[in-house]
Amino acid sequence: MLLRRSLIAASVLAASLGAHAAATVGQPAPDFTLKDASGKMVKLSDFKGKHVVLEWTNPGCPFVQKHYNSGNMPATQKDASGKGVVWLAVNSTEKASGDYLEPARLTAWLGEHKAQPTAMLMDEEGTAGKAYGARTTPHMYIVNPQGQLVYAGGIDSIASSNAGDIKMAVNYVKQGLGESLAGKPISSATTRPYGCSIKYKS
């Protein structure tokens, strides 16, 4: 148990020490074009006029497993899509990593968890992830209909891999979307992401 806690602490620490410069809330969101898990090209700017959530993910990460195995991330996706929000899950894990899953296996994993992103995007070269300064899985962003980045940070307010903490945490993405969709400024526009370090291609 102590070793597990140490590993989790190390993951959180690595997240806070990420070397990549982050995209800036209040500025235009960096555009990108990536293939989805079916091989279709997806361009962020094609969704201008809609709110877009970007979710960096890696099924091998205990923090990602917390939010998927509990149903929290799929439920947040479903709530967002029901309000007309586009949800793009992005996997920036490099192919050489033991955590890498090819597109078909990623699609199967989403199905097993009843996940409902608009698309699962493959970013094996890390281009999009580095443009956003994504450091952890999960690391979350919200882009408004004008193409401006309006949220960057964690999925919620309790940095742990314990699913029991979800019900006590503030879901920053759900809260931020609700505020932005209502035409209000996001009250917690920048928060600290937590999770496993992204396995970028060096």
N, C-alpha and C. Protein backbone atom coordinates (compact mmCIF):
# COMPACT_ATOMS: atom_id res chain seq x y z
N MET A 1 0.83 -1.20 0.00
CA MET A 1 0.00 0.00 0.00
C MET A 1 0.87 1.25 0.00
N LEU A 2 1.95 1.21 0.84
CA LEU A 2 2.84 2.37 0.92
C LEU A 2 3.53 2.61 -0.41
N LEU A 3 3.94 1.49 -1.07
CA LEU A 3 4.59 1.62 -2.38
C LEU A 3 3.62 2.22 -3.39
N ARG A 4 2.37 1.75 -3.36
CA ARG A 4 1.36 2.27 -4.30
C ARG A 4 1.17 3.77 -4.09
N ARG A 5 1.08 4.18 -2.80
CA ARG A 5 0.91 5.60 -2.52
C ARG A 5 2.11 6.41 -3.00
N SER A 6 3.30 5.82 -2.85
CA SER A 6 4.51 6.51 -3.30
C SER A 6 4.50 6.69 -4.81
N LEU A 7 4.05 5.63 -5.51
CA LEU A 7 3.99 5.70 -6.98
C LEU A 7 2.97 6.73 -7.42
N ILE A 8 1.83 6.77 -6.72
CA ILE A 8 0.81 7.76 -7.06
C ILE A 8 1.34 9.16 -6.81
N ALA A 9 2.01 9.34 -5.67
CA ALA A 9 2.57 10.65 -5.35
C ALA A 9 3.58 11.07 -6.41
N ALA A 10 4.37 10.10 -6.87
CA ALA A 10 5.37 10.39 -7.90
C ALA A 10 4.69 10.81 -9.20
N SER A 11 3.57 10.15 -9.52
CA SER A 11 2.84 10.50 -10.74
C SER A 11 2.29 11.92 -10.66
N VAL A 12 1.73 12.25 -9.49
CA VAL A 12 1.18 13.60 -9.30
C VAL A 12 2.30 14.63 -9.37
N LEU A 13 3.44 14.29 -8.74
CA LEU A 13 4.58 15.20 -8.76
C LEU A 13 5.07 15.40 -10.19
N ALA A 14 5.15 14.30 -10.94
CA ALA A 14 5.60 14.41 -12.33
C ALA A 14 4.66 15.30 -13.12
N ALA A 15 3.37 15.21 -12.79
CA ALA A 15 2.40 16.05 -13.49
C ALA A 15 2.66 17.52 -13.23
N SER A 16 3.01 17.84 -11.98
CA SER A 16 3.21 19.24 -11.63
C SER A 16 4.52 19.79 -12.16
N LEU A 17 5.42 18.87 -12.57
CA LEU A 17 6.72 19.31 -13.05
C LEU A 17 6.87 19.18 -14.56
N GLY A 18 5.73 19.04 -15.24
CA GLY A 18 5.77 18.86 -16.69
C GLY A 18 6.59 19.93 -17.40
N ALA A 19 7.33 19.50 -18.40
CA ALA A 19 8.26 20.41 -19.07
C ALA A 19 7.64 21.18 -20.23
N HIS A 20 6.48 20.74 -20.69
CA HIS A 20 5.91 21.36 -21.88
C HIS A 20 5.14 22.63 -21.53
N ALA A 21 5.35 23.66 -22.29
CA ALA A 21 4.63 24.92 -22.07
C ALA A 21 3.17 24.72 -22.42
N ALA A 22 2.31 25.22 -21.57
CA ALA A 22 0.88 25.01 -21.77
C ALA A 22 0.26 26.07 -22.67
N ALA A 23 -0.75 25.66 -23.43
CA ALA A 23 -1.56 26.64 -24.16
C ALA A 23 -2.22 27.53 -23.11
N THR A 24 -2.54 28.75 -23.46
CA THR A 24 -2.99 29.73 -22.48
C THR A 24 -4.50 29.95 -22.52
N VAL A 25 -5.12 29.81 -21.34
CA VAL A 25 -6.55 30.10 -21.23
C VAL A 25 -6.77 31.56 -21.56
N GLY A 26 -7.80 31.81 -22.38
CA GLY A 26 -8.09 33.17 -22.81
C GLY A 26 -7.52 33.49 -24.19
N GLN A 27 -6.70 32.57 -24.71
CA GLN A 27 -6.09 32.74 -26.03
C GLN A 27 -6.68 31.72 -27.01
N PRO A 28 -6.49 31.91 -28.31
CA PRO A 28 -6.98 30.92 -29.27
C PRO A 28 -6.41 29.53 -28.99
N ALA A 29 -7.26 28.53 -29.05
CA ALA A 29 -6.81 27.15 -28.84
C ALA A 29 -5.98 26.70 -30.04
N PRO A 30 -4.82 26.10 -29.81
CA PRO A 30 -4.00 25.61 -30.93
C PRO A 30 -4.80 24.64 -31.81
N ASP A 31 -4.80 24.87 -33.10
CA ASP A 31 -5.51 23.98 -34.01
C ASP A 31 -4.65 22.73 -34.26
N PHE A 32 -5.29 21.66 -34.63
CA PHE A 32 -4.56 20.43 -34.96
C PHE A 32 -5.43 19.58 -35.87
N THR A 33 -4.78 18.69 -36.59
CA THR A 33 -5.46 17.68 -37.40
C THR A 33 -4.87 16.32 -37.04
N LEU A 34 -5.72 15.40 -36.62
CA LEU A 34 -5.27 14.06 -36.23
C LEU A 34 -6.21 13.02 -36.82
N LYS A 35 -5.71 11.80 -36.95
CA LYS A 35 -6.56 10.69 -37.37
C LYS A 35 -7.31 10.16 -36.16
N ASP A 36 -8.58 9.83 -36.37
CA ASP A 36 -9.30 9.16 -35.29
C ASP A 36 -9.03 7.66 -35.37
N ALA A 37 -9.59 6.91 -34.42
CA ALA A 37 -9.30 5.48 -34.34
C ALA A 37 -9.79 4.70 -35.56
N SER A 38 -10.66 5.30 -36.37
CA SER A 38 -11.14 4.63 -37.59
C SER A 38 -10.35 5.07 -38.82
N GLY A 39 -9.38 5.99 -38.63
CA GLY A 39 -8.56 6.45 -39.74
C GLY A 39 -9.03 7.73 -40.39
N LYS A 40 -10.13 8.31 -39.89
CA LYS A 40 -10.66 9.56 -40.45
C LYS A 40 -9.89 10.75 -39.90
N MET A 41 -9.61 11.74 -40.75
CA MET A 41 -8.92 12.94 -40.32
C MET A 41 -9.91 13.87 -39.60
N VAL A 42 -9.49 14.35 -38.46
CA VAL A 42 -10.34 15.24 -37.65
C VAL A 42 -9.54 16.52 -37.37
N LYS A 43 -10.15 17.65 -37.69
CA LYS A 43 -9.51 18.95 -37.48
C LYS A 43 -10.29 19.73 -36.43
N LEU A 44 -9.59 20.21 -35.41
CA LEU A 44 -10.27 20.93 -34.34
C LEU A 44 -11.09 22.11 -34.85
N SER A 45 -10.52 22.90 -35.73
CA SER A 45 -11.20 24.11 -36.20
C SER A 45 -12.47 23.82 -36.99
N ASP A 46 -12.66 22.59 -37.43
CA ASP A 46 -13.90 22.23 -38.11
C ASP A 46 -15.11 22.32 -37.17
N PHE A 47 -14.84 22.33 -35.86
CA PHE A 47 -15.92 22.37 -34.87
C PHE A 47 -16.17 23.78 -34.35
N LYS A 48 -15.60 24.78 -35.01
CA LYS A 48 -15.83 26.16 -34.59
C LYS A 48 -17.33 26.43 -34.63
N GLY A 49 -17.81 27.10 -33.61
CA GLY A 49 -19.25 27.32 -33.47
C GLY A 49 -19.86 26.43 -32.41
N LYS A 50 -19.05 25.46 -31.92
CA LYS A 50 -19.50 24.57 -30.85
C LYS A 50 -18.47 24.56 -29.72
N HIS A 51 -18.94 24.21 -28.53
CA HIS A 51 -18.00 23.95 -27.44
C HIS A 51 -17.33 22.61 -27.71
N VAL A 52 -16.04 22.53 -27.40
CA VAL A 52 -15.28 21.29 -27.58
C VAL A 52 -14.53 20.98 -26.29
N VAL A 53 -14.65 19.75 -25.83
CA VAL A 53 -13.84 19.28 -24.71
C VAL A 53 -12.73 18.41 -25.27
N LEU A 54 -11.50 18.64 -24.81
CA LEU A 54 -10.36 17.80 -25.16
C LEU A 54 -9.96 17.02 -23.90
N GLU A 55 -9.86 15.72 -24.05
CA GLU A 55 -9.52 14.85 -22.92
C GLU A 55 -8.31 14.00 -23.28
N TRP A 56 -7.17 14.26 -22.63
CA TRP A 56 -6.01 13.39 -22.86
C TRP A 56 -6.17 12.14 -22.02
N THR A 57 -5.98 10.98 -22.65
CA THR A 57 -6.28 9.73 -21.97
C THR A 57 -5.23 8.66 -22.26
N ASN A 58 -5.20 7.65 -21.40
CA ASN A 58 -4.33 6.48 -21.54
C ASN A 58 -4.94 5.38 -20.69
N PRO A 59 -5.54 4.34 -21.31
CA PRO A 59 -6.22 3.30 -20.56
C PRO A 59 -5.37 2.59 -19.51
N GLY A 60 -4.04 2.63 -19.66
CA GLY A 60 -3.16 1.95 -18.71
C GLY A 60 -2.92 2.73 -17.43
N CYS A 61 -3.40 3.95 -17.34
CA CYS A 61 -3.15 4.82 -16.19
C CYS A 61 -4.19 4.60 -15.10
N PRO A 62 -3.77 4.38 -13.84
CA PRO A 62 -4.72 4.17 -12.74
C PRO A 62 -5.69 5.33 -12.55
N PHE A 63 -5.26 6.54 -12.85
CA PHE A 63 -6.13 7.71 -12.69
C PHE A 63 -7.21 7.73 -13.77
N VAL A 64 -6.85 7.32 -14.98
CA VAL A 64 -7.84 7.19 -16.05
C VAL A 64 -8.80 6.05 -15.71
N GLN A 65 -8.26 4.96 -15.21
CA GLN A 65 -9.10 3.82 -14.84
C GLN A 65 -10.11 4.21 -13.76
N LYS A 66 -9.68 5.05 -12.82
CA LYS A 66 -10.59 5.56 -11.78
C LYS A 66 -11.84 6.17 -12.39
N HIS A 67 -11.64 7.02 -13.38
CA HIS A 67 -12.77 7.77 -13.94
C HIS A 67 -13.56 6.98 -14.97
N TYR A 68 -12.95 5.96 -15.59
CA TYR A 68 -13.68 5.13 -16.55
C TYR A 68 -14.35 3.94 -15.86
N ASN A 69 -13.62 3.24 -14.99
CA ASN A 69 -14.20 2.07 -14.33
C ASN A 69 -15.40 2.44 -13.46
N SER A 70 -15.37 3.65 -12.90
CA SER A 70 -16.47 4.13 -12.06
C SER A 70 -17.65 4.63 -12.89
N GLY A 71 -17.40 4.89 -14.17
CA GLY A 71 -18.43 5.44 -15.05
C GLY A 71 -18.46 6.96 -15.06
N ASN A 72 -17.56 7.60 -14.31
CA ASN A 72 -17.58 9.06 -14.20
C ASN A 72 -17.26 9.76 -15.52
N MET A 73 -16.20 9.31 -16.20
CA MET A 73 -15.84 9.97 -17.45
C MET A 73 -16.90 9.73 -18.53
N PRO A 74 -17.37 8.48 -18.72
CA PRO A 74 -18.44 8.27 -19.70
C PRO A 74 -19.70 9.09 -19.38
N ALA A 75 -20.03 9.23 -18.10
CA ALA A 75 -21.22 10.01 -17.73
C ALA A 75 -21.01 11.49 -18.04
N THR A 76 -19.80 11.98 -17.82
CA THR A 76 -19.50 13.39 -18.11
C THR A 76 -19.54 13.62 -19.62
N GLN A 77 -19.04 12.64 -20.39
CA GLN A 77 -19.10 12.73 -21.85
C GLN A 77 -20.56 12.76 -22.32
N LYS A 78 -21.36 11.87 -21.77
CA LYS A 78 -22.77 11.77 -22.18
C LYS A 78 -23.51 13.06 -21.85
N ASP A 79 -23.25 13.62 -20.68
CA ASP A 79 -23.90 14.87 -20.28
C ASP A 79 -23.52 16.00 -21.24
N ALA A 80 -22.23 16.04 -21.61
CA ALA A 80 -21.76 17.08 -22.52
C ALA A 80 -22.36 16.93 -23.91
N SER A 81 -22.33 15.71 -24.44
CA SER A 81 -22.84 15.49 -25.80
C SER A 81 -24.33 15.77 -25.89
N GLY A 82 -25.04 15.54 -24.78
CA GLY A 82 -26.47 15.83 -24.74
C GLY A 82 -26.77 17.32 -24.84
N LYS A 83 -25.75 18.14 -24.59
CA LYS A 83 -25.89 19.59 -24.69
C LYS A 83 -25.26 20.14 -25.96
N GLY A 84 -24.93 19.23 -26.89
CA GLY A 84 -24.37 19.65 -28.17
C GLY A 84 -22.88 19.91 -28.16
N VAL A 85 -22.21 19.46 -27.12
CA VAL A 85 -20.76 19.65 -27.00
C VAL A 85 -20.01 18.54 -27.73
N VAL A 86 -18.95 18.91 -28.44
CA VAL A 86 -18.08 17.94 -29.11
C VAL A 86 -17.02 17.49 -28.10
N TRP A 87 -16.80 16.17 -27.99
CA TRP A 87 -15.83 15.65 -27.02
C TRP A 87 -14.77 14.85 -27.79
N LEU A 88 -13.55 15.34 -27.76
CA LEU A 88 -12.45 14.67 -28.45
C LEU A 88 -11.48 14.09 -27.43
N ALA A 89 -11.42 12.77 -27.36
CA ALA A 89 -10.43 12.09 -26.53
C ALA A 89 -9.14 11.99 -27.34
N VAL A 90 -8.01 12.26 -26.73
CA VAL A 90 -6.72 12.27 -27.43
C VAL A 90 -5.76 11.33 -26.70
N ASN A 91 -5.13 10.44 -27.45
CA ASN A 91 -4.12 9.56 -26.86
C ASN A 91 -2.77 9.91 -27.48
N SER A 92 -1.89 10.48 -26.65
CA SER A 92 -0.56 10.90 -27.12
C SER A 92 0.53 9.91 -26.72
N THR A 93 0.14 8.71 -26.31
CA THR A 93 1.12 7.69 -25.93
C THR A 93 1.92 7.24 -27.15
N GLU A 94 3.23 7.27 -27.04
CA GLU A 94 4.05 6.86 -28.18
C GLU A 94 3.96 5.35 -28.41
N LYS A 95 4.20 4.94 -29.64
CA LYS A 95 4.06 3.53 -30.02
C LYS A 95 5.01 2.62 -29.27
N ALA A 96 6.18 3.14 -28.85
CA ALA A 96 7.18 2.30 -28.17
C ALA A 96 6.82 2.04 -26.71
N SER A 97 5.82 2.73 -26.18
CA SER A 97 5.46 2.58 -24.77
C SER A 97 4.66 1.30 -24.55
N GLY A 98 4.87 0.68 -23.39
CA GLY A 98 4.10 -0.50 -23.03
C GLY A 98 2.63 -0.19 -22.84
N ASP A 99 2.30 1.10 -22.66
CA ASP A 99 0.90 1.51 -22.48
C ASP A 99 0.19 1.76 -23.81
N TYR A 100 0.93 1.71 -24.91
CA TYR A 100 0.31 2.04 -26.21
C TYR A 100 -0.70 0.98 -26.61
N LEU A 101 -1.87 1.44 -27.05
CA LEU A 101 -2.89 0.56 -27.61
C LEU A 101 -3.17 1.00 -29.03
N GLU A 102 -3.18 0.05 -29.97
CA GLU A 102 -3.51 0.40 -31.35
C GLU A 102 -4.98 0.80 -31.42
N PRO A 103 -5.37 1.52 -32.48
CA PRO A 103 -6.72 2.06 -32.58
C PRO A 103 -7.84 1.06 -32.31
N ALA A 104 -7.74 -0.14 -32.84
CA ALA A 104 -8.82 -1.12 -32.65
C ALA A 104 -9.01 -1.48 -31.18
N ARG A 105 -7.91 -1.62 -30.47
CA ARG A 105 -8.00 -1.95 -29.05
C ARG A 105 -8.52 -0.77 -28.23
N LEU A 106 -8.15 0.44 -28.64
CA LEU A 106 -8.68 1.63 -27.97
C LEU A 106 -10.19 1.72 -28.15
N THR A 107 -10.64 1.45 -29.36
CA THR A 107 -12.07 1.48 -29.66
C THR A 107 -12.82 0.44 -28.84
N ALA A 108 -12.22 -0.74 -28.71
CA ALA A 108 -12.84 -1.81 -27.92
C ALA A 108 -12.92 -1.41 -26.45
N TRP A 109 -11.86 -0.78 -25.96
CA TRP A 109 -11.83 -0.32 -24.56
C TRP A 109 -12.93 0.71 -24.30
N LEU A 110 -13.12 1.64 -25.23
CA LEU A 110 -14.18 2.63 -25.10
C LEU A 110 -15.55 1.94 -25.03
N GLY A 111 -15.73 0.95 -25.89
CA GLY A 111 -17.00 0.23 -25.92
C GLY A 111 -17.26 -0.51 -24.62
N GLU A 112 -16.22 -1.12 -24.06
CA GLU A 112 -16.36 -1.85 -22.80
C GLU A 112 -16.82 -0.93 -21.67
N HIS A 113 -16.44 0.34 -21.75
CA HIS A 113 -16.78 1.29 -20.69
C HIS A 113 -17.96 2.18 -21.04
N LYS A 114 -18.62 1.85 -22.16
CA LYS A 114 -19.78 2.65 -22.61
C LYS A 114 -19.42 4.14 -22.72
N ALA A 115 -18.19 4.38 -23.16
CA ALA A 115 -17.71 5.75 -23.33
C ALA A 115 -18.29 6.35 -24.61
N GLN A 116 -18.50 7.67 -24.59
CA GLN A 116 -19.16 8.31 -25.73
C GLN A 116 -18.45 9.57 -26.21
N PRO A 117 -17.13 9.52 -26.43
CA PRO A 117 -16.51 10.70 -27.03
C PRO A 117 -16.96 10.82 -28.48
N THR A 118 -16.91 12.03 -29.00
CA THR A 118 -17.24 12.23 -30.41
C THR A 118 -16.23 11.49 -31.28
N ALA A 119 -14.97 11.49 -30.84
CA ALA A 119 -13.90 10.78 -31.55
C ALA A 119 -12.76 10.47 -30.59
N MET A 120 -12.06 9.37 -30.88
CA MET A 120 -10.82 9.03 -30.19
C MET A 120 -9.69 9.33 -31.16
N LEU A 121 -8.85 10.28 -30.83
CA LEU A 121 -7.81 10.74 -31.74
C LEU A 121 -6.44 10.16 -31.38
N MET A 122 -5.70 9.79 -32.42
CA MET A 122 -4.38 9.18 -32.25
C MET A 122 -3.29 10.25 -32.45
N ASP A 123 -2.48 10.45 -31.43
CA ASP A 123 -1.44 11.49 -31.46
C ASP A 123 -0.10 10.88 -31.06
N GLU A 124 0.27 9.77 -31.73
CA GLU A 124 1.48 9.04 -31.36
C GLU A 124 2.75 9.88 -31.44
N GLU A 125 2.75 10.89 -32.32
CA GLU A 125 3.93 11.76 -32.44
C GLU A 125 3.95 12.84 -31.34
N GLY A 126 2.82 13.00 -30.66
CA GLY A 126 2.75 13.96 -29.56
C GLY A 126 2.58 15.41 -29.98
N THR A 127 2.29 15.64 -31.25
CA THR A 127 2.21 17.01 -31.77
C THR A 127 1.13 17.83 -31.07
N ALA A 128 -0.08 17.29 -31.00
CA ALA A 128 -1.18 18.02 -30.37
C ALA A 128 -0.96 18.15 -28.86
N GLY A 129 -0.54 17.06 -28.25
CA GLY A 129 -0.31 17.09 -26.81
C GLY A 129 0.69 18.14 -26.39
N LYS A 130 1.78 18.23 -27.13
CA LYS A 130 2.82 19.21 -26.79
C LYS A 130 2.36 20.64 -27.10
N ALA A 131 1.52 20.80 -28.12
CA ALA A 131 0.99 22.13 -28.44
C ALA A 131 0.13 22.67 -27.30
N TYR A 132 -0.55 21.75 -26.60
CA TYR A 132 -1.40 22.16 -25.48
C TYR A 132 -0.67 22.13 -24.15
N GLY A 133 0.52 21.54 -24.13
CA GLY A 133 1.21 21.38 -22.86
C GLY A 133 0.54 20.33 -21.99
N ALA A 134 -0.13 19.36 -22.63
CA ALA A 134 -0.79 18.29 -21.87
C ALA A 134 0.27 17.48 -21.14
N ARG A 135 0.10 17.30 -19.83
CA ARG A 135 1.11 16.65 -19.01
C ARG A 135 0.65 15.34 -18.41
N THR A 136 -0.67 15.20 -18.24
CA THR A 136 -1.16 14.04 -17.50
C THR A 136 -2.30 13.35 -18.24
N THR A 137 -2.57 12.13 -17.80
CA THR A 137 -3.82 11.48 -18.20
C THR A 137 -4.58 11.20 -16.91
N PRO A 138 -5.79 11.84 -16.80
CA PRO A 138 -6.38 12.77 -17.76
C PRO A 138 -5.85 14.20 -17.61
N HIS A 139 -5.90 14.96 -18.70
CA HIS A 139 -5.67 16.41 -18.69
C HIS A 139 -6.77 16.96 -19.58
N MET A 140 -7.52 17.93 -19.07
CA MET A 140 -8.77 18.36 -19.71
C MET A 140 -8.70 19.81 -20.17
N TYR A 141 -9.36 20.08 -21.29
CA TYR A 141 -9.44 21.43 -21.85
C TYR A 141 -10.84 21.67 -22.39
N ILE A 142 -11.28 22.93 -22.33
CA ILE A 142 -12.55 23.32 -22.96
C ILE A 142 -12.25 24.46 -23.93
N VAL A 143 -12.76 24.32 -25.15
CA VAL A 143 -12.63 25.34 -26.19
C VAL A 143 -14.03 25.88 -26.45
N ASN A 144 -14.19 27.21 -26.48
CA ASN A 144 -15.53 27.78 -26.69
C ASN A 144 -15.85 27.88 -28.19
N PRO A 145 -17.08 28.24 -28.54
CA PRO A 145 -17.47 28.29 -29.96
C PRO A 145 -16.64 29.25 -30.81
N GLN A 146 -15.99 30.21 -30.18
CA GLN A 146 -15.14 31.16 -30.91
C GLN A 146 -13.72 30.62 -31.11
N GLY A 147 -13.47 29.40 -30.62
CA GLY A 147 -12.15 28.81 -30.78
C GLY A 147 -11.16 29.24 -29.72
N GLN A 148 -11.66 29.78 -28.63
CA GLN A 148 -10.80 30.26 -27.55
C GLN A 148 -10.73 29.20 -26.44
N LEU A 149 -9.54 29.01 -25.90
CA LEU A 149 -9.37 28.08 -24.78
C LEU A 149 -9.91 28.74 -23.52
N VAL A 150 -10.90 28.10 -22.89
CA VAL A 150 -11.53 28.72 -21.71
C VAL A 150 -11.35 27.90 -20.44
N TYR A 151 -10.83 26.67 -20.56
CA TYR A 151 -10.52 25.87 -19.38
C TYR A 151 -9.33 24.97 -19.66
N ALA A 152 -8.47 24.82 -18.65
CA ALA A 152 -7.36 23.87 -18.72
C ALA A 152 -7.09 23.35 -17.32
N GLY A 153 -7.02 22.03 -17.18
CA GLY A 153 -6.70 21.50 -15.86
C GLY A 153 -7.20 20.09 -15.64
N GLY A 154 -7.56 19.81 -14.40
CA GLY A 154 -7.99 18.48 -14.00
C GLY A 154 -9.45 18.21 -14.31
N ILE A 155 -9.82 16.94 -14.27
CA ILE A 155 -11.22 16.56 -14.43
C ILE A 155 -12.01 16.99 -13.20
N ASP A 156 -11.36 16.92 -12.02
CA ASP A 156 -12.06 17.33 -10.81
C ASP A 156 -11.09 17.82 -9.75
N SER A 157 -11.63 18.05 -8.55
CA SER A 157 -10.88 18.76 -7.51
C SER A 157 -10.12 17.88 -6.54
N ILE A 158 -10.23 16.56 -6.63
CA ILE A 158 -9.52 15.68 -5.70
C ILE A 158 -8.52 14.83 -6.47
N ALA A 159 -7.24 15.12 -6.26
CA ALA A 159 -6.16 14.44 -6.99
C ALA A 159 -5.84 13.10 -6.36
N SER A 160 -6.59 12.09 -6.73
CA SER A 160 -6.34 10.74 -6.22
C SER A 160 -6.74 9.72 -7.27
N SER A 161 -6.35 8.46 -7.03
CA SER A 161 -6.79 7.38 -7.92
C SER A 161 -7.90 6.57 -7.28
N ASN A 162 -8.47 7.09 -6.20
CA ASN A 162 -9.53 6.41 -5.45
C ASN A 162 -10.90 6.84 -5.99
N ALA A 163 -11.62 5.89 -6.56
CA ALA A 163 -12.93 6.20 -7.14
C ALA A 163 -13.92 6.72 -6.09
N GLY A 164 -13.69 6.38 -4.83
CA GLY A 164 -14.57 6.85 -3.77
C GLY A 164 -14.55 8.35 -3.59
N ASP A 165 -13.50 9.01 -4.10
CA ASP A 165 -13.38 10.46 -3.97
C ASP A 165 -14.25 11.22 -4.98
N ILE A 166 -14.71 10.54 -6.02
CA ILE A 166 -15.42 11.23 -7.10
C ILE A 166 -16.66 11.95 -6.60
N LYS A 167 -17.43 11.28 -5.76
CA LYS A 167 -18.70 11.87 -5.30
C LYS A 167 -18.49 13.11 -4.43
N MET A 168 -17.28 13.27 -3.87
CA MET A 168 -17.00 14.43 -3.02
C MET A 168 -16.30 15.56 -3.79
N ALA A 169 -15.89 15.27 -5.01
CA ALA A 169 -15.10 16.23 -5.78
C ALA A 169 -15.98 17.14 -6.63
N VAL A 170 -15.45 18.31 -6.95
CA VAL A 170 -16.08 19.21 -7.92
C VAL A 170 -15.63 18.77 -9.31
N ASN A 171 -16.56 18.42 -10.17
CA ASN A 171 -16.23 18.06 -11.55
C ASN A 171 -16.04 19.37 -12.32
N TYR A 172 -14.77 19.76 -12.49
CA TYR A 172 -14.47 21.06 -13.10
C TYR A 172 -14.95 21.16 -14.54
N VAL A 173 -14.92 20.06 -15.26
CA VAL A 173 -15.34 20.09 -16.67
C VAL A 173 -16.85 20.29 -16.78
N LYS A 174 -17.60 19.54 -15.98
CA LYS A 174 -19.06 19.68 -15.98
C LYS A 174 -19.45 21.09 -15.53
N GLN A 175 -18.79 21.57 -14.48
CA GLN A 175 -19.09 22.91 -13.96
C GLN A 175 -18.73 23.99 -15.00
N GLY A 176 -17.54 23.85 -15.60
CA GLY A 176 -17.09 24.84 -16.57
C GLY A 176 -17.96 24.88 -17.80
N LEU A 177 -18.37 23.71 -18.29
CA LEU A 177 -19.25 23.67 -19.46
C LEU A 177 -20.59 24.33 -19.14
N GLY A 178 -21.12 24.02 -17.96
CA GLY A 178 -22.40 24.61 -17.57
C GLY A 178 -22.33 26.13 -17.56
N GLU A 179 -21.25 26.66 -17.01
CA GLU A 179 -21.08 28.11 -16.95
C GLU A 179 -20.91 28.72 -18.33
N SER A 180 -20.05 28.09 -19.15
CA SER A 180 -19.78 28.63 -20.48
C SER A 180 -21.00 28.55 -21.38
N LEU A 181 -21.74 27.45 -21.29
CA LEU A 181 -22.96 27.31 -22.10
C LEU A 181 -24.02 28.34 -21.70
N ALA A 182 -23.96 28.78 -20.44
CA ALA A 182 -24.90 29.80 -19.96
C ALA A 182 -24.41 31.21 -20.24
N GLY A 183 -23.27 31.31 -20.93
CA GLY A 183 -22.73 32.63 -21.27
C GLY A 183 -21.99 33.30 -20.14
N LYS A 184 -21.63 32.53 -19.12
CA LYS A 184 -20.91 33.07 -17.98
C LYS A 184 -19.42 32.74 -18.07
N PRO A 185 -18.56 33.53 -17.43
CA PRO A 185 -17.14 33.16 -17.36
C PRO A 185 -16.98 31.92 -16.48
N ILE A 186 -16.00 31.11 -16.80
CA ILE A 186 -15.76 29.90 -16.00
C ILE A 186 -15.08 30.29 -14.69
N SER A 187 -15.68 29.89 -13.58
CA SER A 187 -15.20 30.32 -12.27
C SER A 187 -13.85 29.71 -11.90
N SER A 188 -13.59 28.49 -12.34
CA SER A 188 -12.28 27.86 -12.12
C SER A 188 -11.71 27.53 -13.49
N ALA A 189 -11.16 28.54 -14.15
CA ALA A 189 -10.73 28.39 -15.55
C ALA A 189 -9.40 27.65 -15.69
N THR A 190 -8.58 27.69 -14.65
CA THR A 190 -7.30 26.98 -14.67
C THR A 190 -7.15 26.24 -13.35
N THR A 191 -7.00 24.92 -13.43
CA THR A 191 -6.79 24.11 -12.23
C THR A 191 -5.59 23.20 -12.46
N ARG A 192 -5.15 22.53 -11.40
CA ARG A 192 -3.98 21.66 -11.53
C ARG A 192 -4.39 20.29 -12.03
N PRO A 193 -3.85 19.86 -13.17
CA PRO A 193 -4.16 18.51 -13.64
C PRO A 193 -3.44 17.48 -12.76
N TYR A 194 -4.00 16.30 -12.70
CA TYR A 194 -3.32 15.22 -11.96
C TYR A 194 -3.49 13.93 -12.74
N GLY A 195 -2.58 13.01 -12.50
CA GLY A 195 -2.64 11.72 -13.18
C GLY A 195 -1.27 11.19 -13.51
N CYS A 196 -1.19 10.33 -14.51
CA CYS A 196 0.08 9.74 -14.94
C CYS A 196 0.72 10.64 -15.99
N SER A 197 2.04 10.70 -15.98
CA SER A 197 2.75 11.47 -17.00
C SER A 197 2.49 10.87 -18.38
N ILE A 198 2.28 11.72 -19.37
CA ILE A 198 2.07 11.24 -20.74
C ILE A 198 3.38 10.67 -21.29
N LYS A 199 3.28 9.51 -21.92
CA LYS A 199 4.46 8.83 -22.48
C LYS A 199 4.70 9.35 -23.89
N TYR A 200 5.30 10.56 -23.95
CA TYR A 200 5.57 11.19 -25.25
C TYR A 200 6.75 10.54 -25.97
N LYS A 201 6.68 10.62 -27.28
CA LYS A 201 7.81 10.22 -28.11
C LYS A 201 8.94 11.23 -27.90
N SER A 202 10.13 10.71 -27.62
CA SER A 202 11.26 11.63 -27.33
C SER A 202 11.93 12.10 -28.61
